[in-house]
Amino acid sequence: RALYAITLSLTAIVLMSGCAATPIREGAAVEIVKEKPQGNCKALGEIIGSQGNWVSGGWTSNSNIMAGARNDLRNKAAAMGGTVVYVQNVSNASAWGSTGTTNTTIVGVVYRCQ
């Protein structure tokens, strides 16, 4: 009986941890833009930010999935030394049987601008 309670508790914790947006850490200062940056900017490479999957996505609000993908993108850009991300594509997917978005993926190019 105790093992059942522990298993149930751990399962709930795992499922609930998927409900929050990826936290923004070092990427807080990274700007996300829809147009290619002009001026003294150097492209550092392609980047992909994502949040959600077929398990946790159904338990996570659409806004948390989008915010988490943006935060993931910013954190990765900061780790590359970037200051700006030029977004080229945003994809929202829904798992079979889902009534909302279960995954958001954002593709872009990281720039370091002076």
C-alpha atoms as a PDB file:
ATOM      1  CA  ARG A   1       0.000   0.000   0.000  1.00  0.00           C
ATOM      2  CA  ALA A   2       2.833   2.405   0.826  1.00  0.00           C
ATOM      3  CA  LEU A   3       4.522   1.563  -2.476  1.00  0.00           C
ATOM      4  CA  TYR A   4       1.301   2.400  -4.324  1.00  0.00           C
ATOM      5  CA  ALA A   5       1.080   5.795  -2.588  1.00  0.00           C
ATOM      6  CA  ILE A   6       4.713   6.591  -3.384  1.00  0.00           C
ATOM      7  CA  THR A   7       4.279   5.562  -7.027  1.00  0.00           C
ATOM      8  CA  LEU A   8       1.129   7.654  -7.359  1.00  0.00           C
ATOM      9  CA  SER A   9       2.825  10.671  -5.758  1.00  0.00           C
ATOM     10  CA  LEU A  10       5.869  10.425  -8.018  1.00  0.00           C
ATOM     11  CA  THR A  11       3.674  10.100 -11.096  1.00  0.00           C
ATOM     12  CA  ALA A  12       1.732  13.224 -10.102  1.00  0.00           C
ATOM     13  CA  ILE A  13       4.950  15.172  -9.541  1.00  0.00           C
ATOM     14  CA  VAL A  14       6.316  14.162 -12.947  1.00  0.00           C
ATOM     15  CA  LEU A  15       3.088  15.116 -14.722  1.00  0.00           C
ATOM     16  CA  MET A  16       2.745  18.428 -12.876  1.00  0.00           C
ATOM     17  CA  SER A  17       6.349  19.413 -13.604  1.00  0.00           C
ATOM     18  CA  GLY A  18       5.438  19.460 -17.286  1.00  0.00           C
ATOM     19  CA  CYS A  19       2.715  22.048 -16.688  1.00  0.00           C
ATOM     20  CA  ALA A  20       4.989  25.044 -16.101  1.00  0.00           C
ATOM     21  CA  ALA A  21       6.813  27.079 -18.707  1.00  0.00           C
ATOM     22  CA  THR A  22      10.565  26.574 -19.042  1.00  0.00           C
ATOM     23  CA  PRO A  23      12.054  29.240 -16.750  1.00  0.00           C
ATOM     24  CA  ILE A  24      14.002  32.078 -18.298  1.00  0.00           C
ATOM     25  CA  ARG A  25      17.504  32.264 -16.909  1.00  0.00           C
ATOM     26  CA  GLU A  26      20.484  33.809 -18.686  1.00  0.00           C
ATOM     27  CA  GLY A  27      18.316  34.630 -21.711  1.00  0.00           C
ATOM     28  CA  ALA A  28      16.283  37.381 -20.043  1.00  0.00           C
ATOM     29  CA  ALA A  29      18.117  40.109 -21.984  1.00  0.00           C
ATOM     30  CA  VAL A  30      17.854  38.371 -25.384  1.00  0.00           C
ATOM     31  CA  GLU A  31      15.451  40.136 -27.755  1.00  0.00           C
ATOM     32  CA  ILE A  32      13.187  38.156 -30.102  1.00  0.00           C
ATOM     33  CA  VAL A  33      12.422  39.881 -33.424  1.00  0.00           C
ATOM     34  CA  LYS A  34      10.398  39.112 -36.564  1.00  0.00           C
ATOM     35  CA  GLU A  35      12.703  40.975 -38.974  1.00  0.00           C
ATOM     36  CA  LYS A  36      16.363  40.308 -39.670  1.00  0.00           C
ATOM     37  CA  PRO A  37      18.442  42.678 -37.518  1.00  0.00           C
ATOM     38  CA  GLN A  38      20.283  45.492 -39.269  1.00  0.00           C
ATOM     39  CA  GLY A  39      23.452  47.299 -38.358  1.00  0.00           C
ATOM     40  CA  ASN A  40      26.435  45.886 -36.522  1.00  0.00           C
ATOM     41  CA  CYS A  41      25.105  42.347 -35.993  1.00  0.00           C
ATOM     42  CA  LYS A  42      26.878  39.050 -36.565  1.00  0.00           C
ATOM     43  CA  ALA A  43      24.968  35.815 -37.192  1.00  0.00           C
ATOM     44  CA  LEU A  44      26.065  33.081 -34.777  1.00  0.00           C
ATOM     45  CA  GLY A  45      23.968  30.193 -36.063  1.00  0.00           C
ATOM     46  CA  GLU A  46      20.562  28.547 -36.180  1.00  0.00           C
ATOM     47  CA  ILE A  47      18.628  27.865 -33.003  1.00  0.00           C
ATOM     48  CA  ILE A  48      15.569  25.847 -32.009  1.00  0.00           C
ATOM     49  CA  GLY A  49      13.493  26.462 -28.881  1.00  0.00           C
ATOM     50  CA  SER A  50      10.749  24.066 -27.855  1.00  0.00           C
ATOM     51  CA  GLN A  51       8.316  23.186 -25.066  1.00  0.00           C
ATOM     52  CA  GLY A  52       5.804  20.391 -24.657  1.00  0.00           C
ATOM     53  CA  ASN A  53       5.386  16.814 -25.793  1.00  0.00           C
ATOM     54  CA  TRP A  54       2.597  14.276 -26.185  1.00  0.00           C
ATOM     55  CA  VAL A  55       2.642  13.467 -22.445  1.00  0.00           C
ATOM     56  CA  SER A  56       2.995  16.831 -20.687  1.00  0.00           C
ATOM     57  CA  GLY A  57       1.552  19.004 -23.453  1.00  0.00           C
ATOM     58  CA  GLY A  58      -2.032  18.058 -22.701  1.00  0.00           C
ATOM     59  CA  TRP A  59      -1.604  19.154 -19.090  1.00  0.00           C
ATOM     60  CA  THR A  60       0.092  22.475 -19.929  1.00  0.00           C
ATOM     61  CA  SER A  61      -1.757  25.641 -20.956  1.00  0.00           C
ATOM     62  CA  ASN A  62      -1.173  26.914 -24.480  1.00  0.00           C
ATOM     63  CA  SER A  63       0.284  30.145 -23.087  1.00  0.00           C
ATOM     64  CA  ASN A  64       2.775  28.222 -20.905  1.00  0.00           C
ATOM     65  CA  ILE A  65       3.802  26.090 -23.873  1.00  0.00           C
ATOM     66  CA  MET A  66       4.451  29.215 -25.991  1.00  0.00           C
ATOM     67  CA  ALA A  67       6.214  31.065 -23.154  1.00  0.00           C
ATOM     68  CA  GLY A  68       8.334  28.002 -22.426  1.00  0.00           C
ATOM     69  CA  ALA A  69       9.415  27.686 -26.064  1.00  0.00           C
ATOM     70  CA  ARG A  70      10.357  31.391 -26.153  1.00  0.00           C
ATOM     71  CA  ASN A  71      12.271  31.073 -22.863  1.00  0.00           C
ATOM     72  CA  ASP A  72      14.080  27.969 -24.146  1.00  0.00           C
ATOM     73  CA  LEU A  73      15.012  29.912 -27.309  1.00  0.00           C
ATOM     74  CA  ARG A  74      16.319  32.887 -25.293  1.00  0.00           C
ATOM     75  CA  ASN A  75      18.317  30.717 -22.881  1.00  0.00           C
ATOM     76  CA  LYS A  76      19.980  28.830 -25.749  1.00  0.00           C
ATOM     77  CA  ALA A  77      20.719  32.093 -27.598  1.00  0.00           C
ATOM     78  CA  ALA A  78      22.378  33.568 -24.507  1.00  0.00           C
ATOM     79  CA  ALA A  79      24.484  30.404 -24.146  1.00  0.00           C
ATOM     80  CA  MET A  80      25.694  30.995 -27.728  1.00  0.00           C
ATOM     81  CA  GLY A  81      26.620  34.592 -26.874  1.00  0.00           C
ATOM     82  CA  GLY A  82      23.665  36.086 -28.726  1.00  0.00           C
ATOM     83  CA  THR A  83      21.682  39.223 -27.984  1.00  0.00           C
ATOM     84  CA  VAL A  84      18.943  38.918 -30.638  1.00  0.00           C
ATOM     85  CA  VAL A  85      16.999  36.020 -32.175  1.00  0.00           C
ATOM     86  CA  TYR A  86      15.442  36.526 -35.601  1.00  0.00           C
ATOM     87  CA  VAL A  87      12.472  34.118 -35.663  1.00  0.00           C
ATOM     88  CA  GLN A  88      11.978  32.352 -38.984  1.00  0.00           C
ATOM     89  CA  ASN A  89       9.285  29.806 -38.109  1.00  0.00           C
ATOM     90  CA  VAL A  90       6.876  28.951 -35.299  1.00  0.00           C
ATOM     91  CA  SER A  91       5.171  25.567 -35.287  1.00  0.00           C
ATOM     92  CA  ASN A  92       2.363  24.490 -32.971  1.00  0.00           C
ATOM     93  CA  ALA A  93       1.482  20.805 -32.871  1.00  0.00           C
ATOM     94  CA  SER A  94      -1.328  18.854 -31.254  1.00  0.00           C
ATOM     95  CA  ALA A  95      -1.076  15.229 -30.227  1.00  0.00           C
ATOM     96  CA  TRP A  96      -3.755  12.874 -31.478  1.00  0.00           C
ATOM     97  CA  GLY A  97      -6.888  13.293 -29.400  1.00  0.00           C
ATOM     98  CA  SER A  98      -5.726  16.550 -27.831  1.00  0.00           C
ATOM     99  CA  THR A  99      -7.990  19.589 -27.712  1.00  0.00           C
ATOM    100  CA  GLY A 100      -5.126  22.121 -27.700  1.00  0.00           C
ATOM    101  CA  THR A 101      -1.485  22.683 -28.489  1.00  0.00           C
ATOM    102  CA  THR A 102       0.845  20.053 -27.039  1.00  0.00           C
ATOM    103  CA  ASN A 103       4.137  21.358 -28.461  1.00  0.00           C
ATOM    104  CA  THR A 104       5.505  24.654 -29.754  1.00  0.00           C
ATOM    105  CA  THR A 105       8.800  24.813 -31.657  1.00  0.00           C
ATOM    106  CA  ILE A 106      10.455  28.080 -32.688  1.00  0.00           C
ATOM    107  CA  VAL A 107      13.267  28.175 -35.268  1.00  0.00           C
ATOM    108  CA  GLY A 108      15.475  31.186 -35.778  1.00  0.00           C
ATOM    109  CA  VAL A 109      18.938  32.658 -36.195  1.00  0.00           C
ATOM    110  CA  VAL A 110      20.958  33.980 -33.272  1.00  0.00           C
ATOM    111  CA  TYR A 111      22.785  37.314 -33.680  1.00  0.00           C
ATOM    112  CA  ARG A 112      25.207  39.223 -31.510  1.00  0.00           C
ATOM    113  CA  CYS A 113      24.510  42.906 -32.037  1.00  0.00           C
ATOM    114  CA  GLN A 114      26.638  45.785 -30.745  1.00  0.00           C
END
